[in-house]
Amino acid sequence: MSADTAAAPLAALAADRVDHRFKGLPPDAYGLTVGELAARRRNLFTDGFTTPVLALSAERLAHNLDLMETYAIRHGLAFAPHGKTSMAPQLFHQQIEHGAWGITLAVPHQVRVARAFGIDRIFLANELVDAAALRWIAAELAGDPDFRFVCYVDSVRGVELMDAALDGSARPVDVVVELAAGEGARTGVRTEAECAAVADAVAATATLRLVGVAGYEGEVPDADPERVHAWLRRLTALAVAFDGAGRFKGLDEVVVSAGGSAWFDAVADVFAEIPELSLPVLKLLRSGAYVSHDDGHYRKLTPFTRVPEEGALHPAFRLWAQVVSRPSAEQAFANAGKRDAAYDLDLPLAQVVRRNGVERPADGVEVTGLSDQHAWLRTGPEADLEVGDWLGMGLSHPCTSFDKWQLIPLVEADGTVVDYIRTFF
């Protein structure tokens, strides 16, 4: 799709009306368009927003986008950030404006969202065997010569199902053989011999075109730098072997892809070692959690802790809740729970308290559990916490933070809300 075609659905987001679908927004904003509300530049803390409300830092988002753009350029990597993290077309387009080759996705619904908002390069990090979805992909490819779509294959049976569903399609679907990260890992072909058999099955069809190899190093069992580097070298060696066997004849480039959010430094190291092939190599990194980063899981795992000279990602989410009960000196409750906060990897982290416009560290306050709509707080002797206080919490795991909010205020450091990010899960 052209940029003009993409602009219309993005503009439609701003034309949507604020109503009961969107939690945390000011009740007196109901009936305004999202664009009108953004133009009013309301303050998150003083202009009627209700708790709980999730805020995305405008400055930190911009920093993270800039940093990963710079990182990819510095290491000669193409970048297709994983869109499942945010499922936010506005952020997809910001990522592309920051140099991304395209967007990675995981399931057909996500591809439909991306296509509806004009994304014309999509890497599906999954084998796709759903016949209805494949026929829709074939129609998209037939109707848009600029649409580039690549997906995994990881079995001969999968190739057979894809071929049957795509029979008669106008353009072949580009595929990459997925190499499993090891025995007991997630998806992917376990051995190089089986990879060759899958590649042979692809070559025997008219509906599929083998364009490269891919995998996910985050699934390497007992991952450490040595094991991850070793697996990545297996992946790149597979590309070299396929190229030597003439499997990529007739292409413009070979796709070699890996890269989650925990080991992209290893991907950069090993992809830099890929020898010259018969065709140019698209070295495609797929990290997605960077866009908001976090205060837990990825803060601990990010490669920037191993290569601090490359910069640092900044956690961009803060969930604001209000203290609604203070039953004892050791306990309090805030009005945000599992419906609002990521909790699959770590509990939220109490960071700051706001009272009467003054913000201070949440000393002595710890989130110990979540109910559906409550955060359980343990409060020590140093905790100065009252009913009515706003509690700002950091979150762990971006993917399960974005998915709990349909419309997320984009907030500047002084609390001014400058935009609203729409998600589609």
Protein backbone atom coordinates (compact mmCIF):
# COMPACT_ATOMS: atom_id res chain seq x y z
CA MET A 1 0.00 0.00 0.00
CA SER A 2 1.10 3.57 -0.60
CA ALA A 3 1.72 6.06 2.17
CA ASP A 4 -1.50 7.83 1.16
CA THR A 5 -3.43 4.58 1.51
CA ALA A 6 -1.97 4.05 4.98
CA ALA A 7 -2.80 7.61 6.05
CA ALA A 8 -6.56 7.14 5.82
CA PRO A 9 -6.92 4.35 8.41
CA LEU A 10 -4.47 6.12 10.74
CA ALA A 11 -6.54 9.29 10.44
CA ALA A 12 -9.65 7.24 11.23
CA LEU A 13 -8.14 6.40 14.61
CA ALA A 14 -8.07 10.09 15.49
CA ALA A 15 -11.68 10.43 14.30
CA ASP A 16 -12.94 7.67 16.60
CA ARG A 17 -15.13 8.82 19.48
CA VAL A 18 -14.11 8.57 23.11
CA ASP A 19 -16.61 6.40 24.97
CA HIS A 20 -17.02 3.53 27.44
CA ARG A 21 -14.60 1.28 25.49
CA PHE A 22 -11.57 3.18 26.72
CA LYS A 23 -10.74 3.02 30.42
CA GLY A 24 -8.96 5.73 32.36
CA LEU A 25 -10.03 8.64 30.16
CA PRO A 26 -11.80 11.73 31.55
CA PRO A 27 -15.57 11.15 31.76
CA ASP A 28 -16.23 14.63 30.40
CA ALA A 29 -14.27 13.73 27.26
CA TYR A 30 -16.94 11.28 26.12
CA GLY A 31 -18.19 12.22 22.67
CA LEU A 32 -15.00 14.01 21.65
CA THR A 33 -12.93 12.45 18.93
CA VAL A 34 -9.59 11.04 19.99
CA GLY A 35 -7.93 13.75 17.91
CA GLU A 36 -9.93 16.49 19.62
CA LEU A 37 -9.01 15.14 23.04
CA ALA A 38 -5.33 14.96 22.08
CA ALA A 39 -5.43 18.54 20.82
CA ARG A 40 -6.60 19.72 24.24
CA ARG A 41 -3.32 18.45 25.76
CA ARG A 42 -4.89 17.58 29.08
CA ASN A 43 -2.75 16.78 32.08
CA LEU A 44 -2.85 13.18 33.26
CA PHE A 45 -2.92 14.18 36.92
CA THR A 46 -5.10 17.30 37.05
CA ASP A 47 -7.51 17.18 34.11
CA GLY A 48 -9.95 14.42 34.93
CA PHE A 49 -8.25 11.14 34.05
CA THR A 50 -9.50 8.31 36.24
CA THR A 51 -7.56 5.48 37.81
CA PRO A 52 -6.31 3.01 36.91
CA VAL A 53 -4.67 4.52 33.85
CA LEU A 54 -1.65 3.34 31.89
CA ALA A 55 0.74 6.03 30.64
CA LEU A 56 3.33 5.65 27.89
CA SER A 57 6.20 8.13 28.16
CA ALA A 58 6.58 10.19 24.98
CA GLU A 59 10.23 10.96 25.65
CA ARG A 60 11.20 7.39 26.50
CA LEU A 61 9.35 5.97 23.53
CA ALA A 62 11.22 8.36 21.23
CA HIS A 63 14.52 7.43 22.87
CA ASN A 64 13.92 3.69 22.41
CA LEU A 65 12.92 4.11 18.77
CA ASP A 66 16.07 6.15 18.09
CA LEU A 67 18.34 3.75 19.94
CA MET A 68 17.29 0.60 18.08
CA GLU A 69 17.39 2.40 14.74
CA THR A 70 20.98 3.42 15.50
CA TYR A 71 21.85 -0.08 16.73
CA ALA A 72 20.56 -1.78 13.57
CA ILE A 73 22.42 0.65 11.31
CA ARG A 74 25.65 0.29 13.29
CA HIS A 75 25.56 -3.50 12.95
CA GLY A 76 24.37 -3.70 9.35
CA LEU A 77 21.06 -5.28 10.28
CA ALA A 78 17.65 -4.91 8.69
CA PHE A 79 14.97 -4.60 11.36
CA ALA A 80 11.46 -6.04 11.47
CA PRO A 81 10.36 -5.44 15.08
CA HIS A 82 7.83 -7.89 16.42
CA GLY A 83 4.46 -6.17 16.28
CA LYS A 84 2.76 -8.65 18.62
CA THR A 85 4.29 -6.63 21.47
CA SER A 86 2.14 -3.55 20.94
CA MET A 87 -0.37 -4.38 18.18
CA ALA A 88 -0.45 -0.60 17.74
CA PRO A 89 -0.43 0.53 14.08
CA GLN A 90 0.65 4.03 15.09
CA LEU A 91 3.77 2.51 16.63
CA PHE A 92 4.28 0.23 13.61
CA HIS A 93 4.52 3.30 11.43
CA GLN A 94 6.83 5.09 13.85
CA GLN A 95 9.08 2.02 13.80
CA ILE A 96 9.13 2.07 10.01
CA GLU A 97 9.84 5.81 10.04
CA HIS A 98 12.83 4.89 12.24
CA GLY A 99 14.24 2.64 9.56
CA ALA A 100 12.44 -0.67 10.09
CA TRP A 101 12.30 -2.90 6.99
CA GLY A 102 8.84 -4.07 7.99
CA ILE A 103 6.93 -5.61 10.89
CA THR A 104 7.09 -9.14 12.32
CA LEU A 105 3.84 -10.77 13.41
CA ALA A 106 2.75 -14.13 14.78
CA VAL A 107 -0.80 -15.03 13.70
CA PRO A 108 -3.17 -14.22 10.80
CA HIS A 109 -5.30 -11.76 12.79
CA GLN A 110 -2.23 -9.63 13.42
CA VAL A 111 -1.40 -9.65 9.71
CA ARG A 112 -4.91 -8.44 8.92
CA VAL A 113 -4.48 -5.54 11.36
CA ALA A 114 -1.14 -4.57 9.85
CA ARG A 115 -2.49 -4.75 6.30
CA ALA A 116 -5.50 -2.64 7.27
CA PHE A 117 -3.04 0.07 8.29
CA GLY A 118 -0.86 -0.05 5.21
CA ILE A 119 2.07 -2.22 6.31
CA ASP A 120 3.52 -3.66 3.11
CA ARG A 121 6.38 -5.80 4.46
CA ILE A 122 5.43 -8.51 6.94
CA PHE A 123 7.48 -11.35 8.39
CA LEU A 124 5.27 -14.00 10.01
CA ALA A 125 7.37 -15.79 12.62
CA ASN A 126 5.24 -18.92 12.49
CA GLU A 127 4.28 -21.70 10.12
CA LEU A 128 0.92 -20.81 8.59
CA VAL A 129 -1.27 -23.81 7.71
CA ASP A 130 -4.76 -22.33 8.10
CA ALA A 131 -6.33 -22.66 4.64
CA ALA A 132 -8.65 -19.65 4.97
CA ALA A 133 -5.79 -17.43 6.15
CA LEU A 134 -3.54 -18.64 3.35
CA ARG A 135 -6.18 -17.89 0.73
CA TRP A 136 -6.53 -14.38 2.19
CA ILE A 137 -2.75 -13.91 2.05
CA ALA A 138 -2.77 -15.09 -1.58
CA ALA A 139 -5.46 -12.53 -2.40
CA GLU A 140 -3.46 -9.77 -0.72
CA LEU A 141 -0.37 -10.73 -2.71
CA ALA A 142 -2.36 -10.86 -5.96
CA GLY A 143 -3.94 -7.47 -5.33
CA ASP A 144 -0.84 -5.58 -4.25
CA PRO A 145 2.43 -6.06 -6.13
CA ASP A 146 4.26 -4.07 -3.43
CA PHE A 147 3.21 -6.42 -0.63
CA ARG A 148 6.10 -8.58 0.66
CA PHE A 149 5.16 -11.48 2.91
CA VAL A 150 7.51 -14.09 4.39
CA CYS A 151 6.61 -16.89 6.80
CA TYR A 152 8.14 -19.95 8.42
CA VAL A 153 7.91 -23.55 7.27
CA ASP A 154 8.97 -26.24 9.72
CA SER A 155 7.61 -29.53 8.37
CA VAL A 156 6.94 -31.40 5.16
CA ARG A 157 3.34 -31.82 6.29
CA GLY A 158 3.06 -28.05 6.73
CA VAL A 159 4.38 -27.53 3.19
CA GLU A 160 1.76 -29.97 1.88
CA LEU A 161 -1.06 -28.14 3.64
CA MET A 162 0.16 -24.76 2.44
CA ASP A 163 0.50 -26.00 -1.12
CA ALA A 164 -3.02 -27.40 -1.13
CA ALA A 165 -4.53 -24.18 0.24
CA LEU A 166 -2.58 -21.98 -2.21
CA ASP A 167 -3.33 -24.03 -5.33
CA GLY A 168 -3.94 -21.64 -8.22
CA SER A 169 -2.58 -18.56 -6.42
CA ALA A 170 -1.13 -15.83 -8.60
CA ARG A 171 2.09 -15.30 -6.61
CA PRO A 172 4.07 -17.82 -4.58
CA VAL A 173 4.32 -17.28 -0.85
CA ASP A 174 7.89 -16.66 0.31
CA VAL A 175 9.00 -19.00 3.09
CA VAL A 176 12.04 -19.53 5.30
CA VAL A 177 12.91 -22.85 6.90
CA GLU A 178 12.76 -22.49 10.67
CA LEU A 179 15.62 -24.16 12.50
CA ALA A 180 14.64 -25.20 16.03
CA ALA A 181 16.74 -23.80 18.85
CA GLY A 182 17.41 -27.30 20.19
CA GLU A 183 15.77 -30.45 21.47
CA GLY A 184 12.78 -29.62 23.58
CA ALA A 185 12.67 -26.04 22.26
CA ARG A 186 9.54 -24.55 20.76
CA THR A 187 8.85 -24.88 17.02
CA GLY A 188 11.21 -25.49 14.14
CA VAL A 189 13.00 -28.32 12.36
CA ARG A 190 15.30 -30.24 14.68
CA THR A 191 18.13 -31.32 12.36
CA GLU A 192 19.86 -29.97 9.27
CA ALA A 193 18.89 -33.14 7.35
CA GLU A 194 15.23 -32.50 8.13
CA CYS A 195 15.69 -28.86 7.10
CA ALA A 196 16.90 -30.08 3.71
CA ALA A 197 13.84 -32.33 3.40
CA VAL A 198 11.53 -29.39 4.12
CA ALA A 199 13.42 -27.29 1.57
CA ASP A 200 13.04 -30.08 -0.99
CA ALA A 201 9.30 -30.17 -0.33
CA VAL A 202 9.09 -26.40 -0.91
CA ALA A 203 11.04 -26.71 -4.17
CA ALA A 204 8.55 -29.31 -5.41
CA THR A 205 5.66 -26.81 -5.22
CA ALA A 206 4.65 -23.94 -7.47
CA THR A 207 2.93 -22.11 -4.63
CA LEU A 208 5.88 -21.56 -2.27
CA ARG A 209 9.31 -20.01 -2.77
CA LEU A 210 12.23 -20.69 -0.43
CA VAL A 211 13.95 -17.39 0.38
CA GLY A 212 16.05 -18.17 3.43
CA VAL A 213 16.32 -19.55 6.95
CA ALA A 214 15.24 -18.27 10.35
CA GLY A 215 14.76 -19.14 13.99
CA TYR A 216 14.48 -17.79 17.50
CA GLU A 217 17.53 -17.95 19.73
CA GLY A 218 15.47 -17.07 22.78
CA GLU A 219 14.38 -20.72 22.92
CA VAL A 220 17.91 -22.13 23.19
CA PRO A 221 17.79 -24.50 26.20
CA ASP A 222 19.79 -23.27 29.21
CA ALA A 223 20.70 -20.21 27.18
CA ASP A 224 24.02 -18.53 27.83
CA PRO A 225 26.28 -16.59 25.44
CA GLU A 226 28.18 -19.68 24.33
CA ARG A 227 25.08 -21.77 23.60
CA VAL A 228 23.28 -18.91 21.86
CA HIS A 229 26.26 -18.10 19.65
CA ALA A 230 26.66 -21.78 18.78
CA TRP A 231 23.03 -22.11 17.73
CA LEU A 232 23.17 -18.91 15.68
CA ARG A 233 26.21 -20.29 13.87
CA ARG A 234 24.19 -23.41 13.06
CA LEU A 235 21.54 -21.14 11.56
CA THR A 236 23.96 -19.17 9.42
CA ALA A 237 25.74 -22.37 8.36
CA LEU A 238 22.38 -23.69 7.19
CA ALA A 239 21.99 -20.62 4.98
CA VAL A 240 25.48 -21.15 3.57
CA ALA A 241 24.74 -24.83 2.87
CA PHE A 242 21.42 -24.05 1.18
CA ASP A 243 23.11 -21.40 -0.95
CA GLY A 244 25.89 -23.82 -1.92
CA ALA A 245 23.27 -26.34 -2.97
CA GLY A 246 21.69 -23.79 -5.31
CA ARG A 247 18.44 -23.53 -3.35
CA PHE A 248 18.23 -19.74 -3.71
CA LYS A 249 18.63 -19.43 -7.47
CA GLY A 250 16.48 -16.77 -9.06
CA LEU A 251 16.14 -14.62 -5.93
CA ASP A 252 17.26 -11.05 -5.37
CA GLU A 253 18.42 -11.73 -1.81
CA VAL A 254 18.65 -14.40 0.88
CA VAL A 255 16.78 -13.84 4.16
CA VAL A 256 18.54 -14.87 7.38
CA SER A 257 16.48 -13.91 10.43
CA ALA A 258 16.62 -14.25 14.21
CA GLY A 259 16.53 -11.99 17.21
CA GLY A 260 14.30 -11.58 20.20
CA SER A 261 14.82 -8.94 22.87
CA ALA A 262 17.29 -10.82 25.08
CA TRP A 263 20.11 -11.84 22.70
CA PHE A 264 20.19 -9.40 19.81
CA ASP A 265 23.83 -8.64 20.60
CA ALA A 266 24.65 -12.29 19.84
CA VAL A 267 22.64 -12.04 16.62
CA ALA A 268 24.64 -8.98 15.61
CA ASP A 269 27.91 -10.80 16.38
CA VAL A 270 27.11 -13.93 14.39
CA PHE A 271 25.33 -12.26 11.49
CA ALA A 272 28.44 -10.11 11.02
CA GLU A 273 30.33 -13.37 10.36
CA ILE A 274 28.10 -14.56 7.49
CA PRO A 275 30.41 -15.17 4.54
CA GLU A 276 29.69 -13.80 1.10
CA LEU A 277 26.92 -15.79 -0.56
CA SER A 278 25.84 -15.92 -4.18
CA LEU A 279 23.28 -13.20 -3.39
CA PRO A 280 23.03 -10.29 -0.97
CA VAL A 281 21.85 -11.29 2.51
CA LEU A 282 18.96 -9.57 4.30
CA LYS A 283 20.07 -9.92 7.94
CA LEU A 284 16.72 -9.48 9.62
CA LEU A 285 16.48 -8.75 13.35
CA ARG A 286 13.03 -9.12 14.96
CA SER A 287 13.27 -7.72 18.52
CA GLY A 288 9.99 -6.14 19.65
CA ALA A 289 9.93 -5.47 23.40
CA TYR A 290 12.31 -2.53 23.06
CA VAL A 291 9.53 -0.16 22.01
CA SER A 292 8.35 0.30 25.60
CA HIS A 293 11.00 -1.82 27.36
CA ASP A 294 10.03 -2.55 30.99
CA ASP A 295 10.97 -2.36 34.66
CA GLY A 296 11.35 -6.10 35.19
CA HIS A 297 11.98 -9.01 32.85
CA TYR A 298 13.60 -7.17 29.94
CA ARG A 299 15.37 -4.68 32.17
CA LYS A 300 17.27 -7.70 33.49
CA LEU A 301 17.71 -9.48 30.13
CA THR A 302 18.42 -6.65 27.69
CA PRO A 303 21.73 -7.04 25.83
CA PHE A 304 22.49 -3.40 26.59
CA THR A 305 23.52 -4.55 30.08
CA ARG A 306 26.28 -6.59 28.38
CA VAL A 307 27.24 -3.82 25.93
CA PRO A 308 26.59 -0.59 27.87
CA GLU A 309 28.71 1.39 25.43
CA GLU A 310 25.89 0.89 22.87
CA GLY A 311 23.38 2.80 25.01
CA ALA A 312 20.44 1.86 27.23
CA LEU A 313 16.74 1.34 26.71
CA HIS A 314 14.37 3.23 29.01
CA PRO A 315 11.20 1.74 30.52
CA ALA A 316 8.36 3.76 29.05
CA PHE A 317 5.27 2.45 30.86
CA ARG A 318 3.90 3.57 34.20
CA LEU A 319 0.59 2.32 35.56
CA TRP A 320 -1.17 4.77 37.83
CA ALA A 321 -3.61 3.49 40.44
CA GLN A 322 -5.22 5.06 43.48
CA VAL A 323 -5.02 3.87 47.05
CA VAL A 324 -8.58 2.91 47.97
CA SER A 325 -8.05 1.12 51.29
CA ARG A 326 -5.54 1.36 54.15
CA PRO A 327 -6.82 -1.25 56.62
CA SER A 328 -3.64 -1.38 58.72
CA ALA A 329 -0.17 0.09 59.08
CA GLU A 330 1.21 -2.89 57.17
CA GLN A 331 -1.29 -3.12 54.34
CA ALA A 332 -2.98 -1.06 51.66
CA PHE A 333 -4.89 -1.70 48.44
CA ALA A 334 -4.83 0.16 45.11
CA ASN A 335 -7.47 -0.04 42.41
CA ALA A 336 -5.46 -1.77 39.66
CA GLY A 337 -5.24 -5.51 39.23
CA LYS A 338 -4.87 -8.32 36.74
CA ARG A 339 -7.20 -6.58 34.30
CA ASP A 340 -4.78 -3.65 34.13
CA ALA A 341 -1.22 -4.81 34.81
CA ALA A 342 1.14 -7.42 33.42
CA TYR A 343 1.69 -10.14 36.01
CA ASP A 344 2.75 -13.24 34.06
CA LEU A 345 6.47 -12.71 34.66
CA ASP A 346 6.74 -10.31 37.62
CA LEU A 347 4.40 -8.27 39.77
CA PRO A 348 4.26 -4.50 39.27
CA LEU A 349 6.92 -2.46 41.03
CA ALA A 350 5.78 0.41 43.27
CA GLN A 351 7.84 3.41 42.20
CA VAL A 352 6.31 6.76 43.13
CA VAL A 353 3.48 8.27 45.15
CA ARG A 354 1.63 11.47 44.19
CA ARG A 355 -0.29 13.56 46.70
CA ASN A 356 -1.48 17.13 46.17
CA GLY A 357 0.68 17.46 43.05
CA VAL A 358 3.88 16.34 44.77
CA GLU A 359 5.61 13.17 43.60
CA ARG A 360 8.05 11.22 45.77
CA PRO A 361 9.58 7.73 45.87
CA ALA A 362 7.28 4.94 47.05
CA ASP A 363 9.60 4.03 49.91
CA GLY A 364 8.41 1.07 51.93
CA VAL A 365 5.64 0.12 49.48
CA GLU A 366 5.71 -3.31 47.80
CA VAL A 367 3.16 -4.97 45.53
CA THR A 368 2.72 -8.49 46.90
CA GLY A 369 -0.21 -9.73 44.82
CA LEU A 370 -2.94 -8.85 42.36
CA SER A 371 -6.63 -9.62 42.41
CA ASP A 372 -8.73 -8.94 39.34
CA GLN A 373 -9.13 -5.25 40.25
CA HIS A 374 -6.88 -4.70 43.26
CA ALA A 375 -3.17 -4.50 43.95
CA TRP A 376 -2.16 -5.84 47.35
CA LEU A 377 0.40 -3.56 48.95
CA ARG A 378 2.71 -4.30 51.87
CA THR A 379 3.71 -1.10 53.64
CA GLY A 380 6.70 -0.75 55.92
CA PRO A 381 7.24 1.78 58.72
CA GLU A 382 8.75 4.30 56.27
CA ALA A 383 5.74 4.16 53.92
CA ASP A 384 3.78 7.42 53.84
CA LEU A 385 0.63 6.25 52.09
CA GLU A 386 -2.95 7.46 52.46
CA VAL A 387 -6.29 6.65 50.87
CA GLY A 388 -6.58 8.84 47.78
CA ASP A 389 -2.86 8.86 46.93
CA TRP A 390 -1.88 8.00 43.35
CA LEU A 391 0.62 5.16 43.11
CA GLY A 392 2.83 4.91 40.02
CA MET A 393 4.00 1.39 39.22
CA GLY A 394 6.53 -0.02 36.78
CA LEU A 395 5.56 -3.11 34.81
CA SER A 396 7.31 -6.26 33.64
CA HIS A 397 6.69 -7.72 30.16
CA PRO A 398 5.55 -5.26 27.48
CA CYS A 399 3.51 -7.84 25.55
CA THR A 400 1.09 -8.39 28.43
CA SER A 401 0.97 -4.70 29.32
CA PHE A 402 -0.17 -3.37 25.95
CA ASP A 403 -2.87 -6.01 25.57
CA LYS A 404 -4.88 -4.82 28.57
CA TRP A 405 -5.44 -1.33 27.18
CA GLN A 406 -7.25 -0.31 23.98
CA LEU A 407 -6.26 3.36 24.15
CA ILE A 408 -3.08 4.42 25.93
CA PRO A 409 -2.25 8.06 26.73
CA LEU A 410 1.13 9.18 25.40
CA VAL A 411 2.40 11.45 28.15
CA GLU A 412 5.20 13.99 28.36
CA ALA A 413 7.31 14.28 31.50
CA ASP A 414 5.16 17.09 32.96
CA GLY A 415 1.98 15.00 32.60
CA THR A 416 0.75 16.54 29.35
CA VAL A 417 -1.04 13.97 27.21
CA VAL A 418 -0.04 14.60 23.60
CA ASP A 419 -1.60 11.60 21.85
CA TYR A 420 -3.40 8.30 22.36
CA ILE A 421 -2.07 4.96 21.12
CA ARG A 422 -4.73 2.51 19.91
CA THR A 423 -4.12 -1.22 20.20
CA PHE A 424 -5.79 -4.14 18.38
CA PHE A 425 -5.59 -7.46 20.22
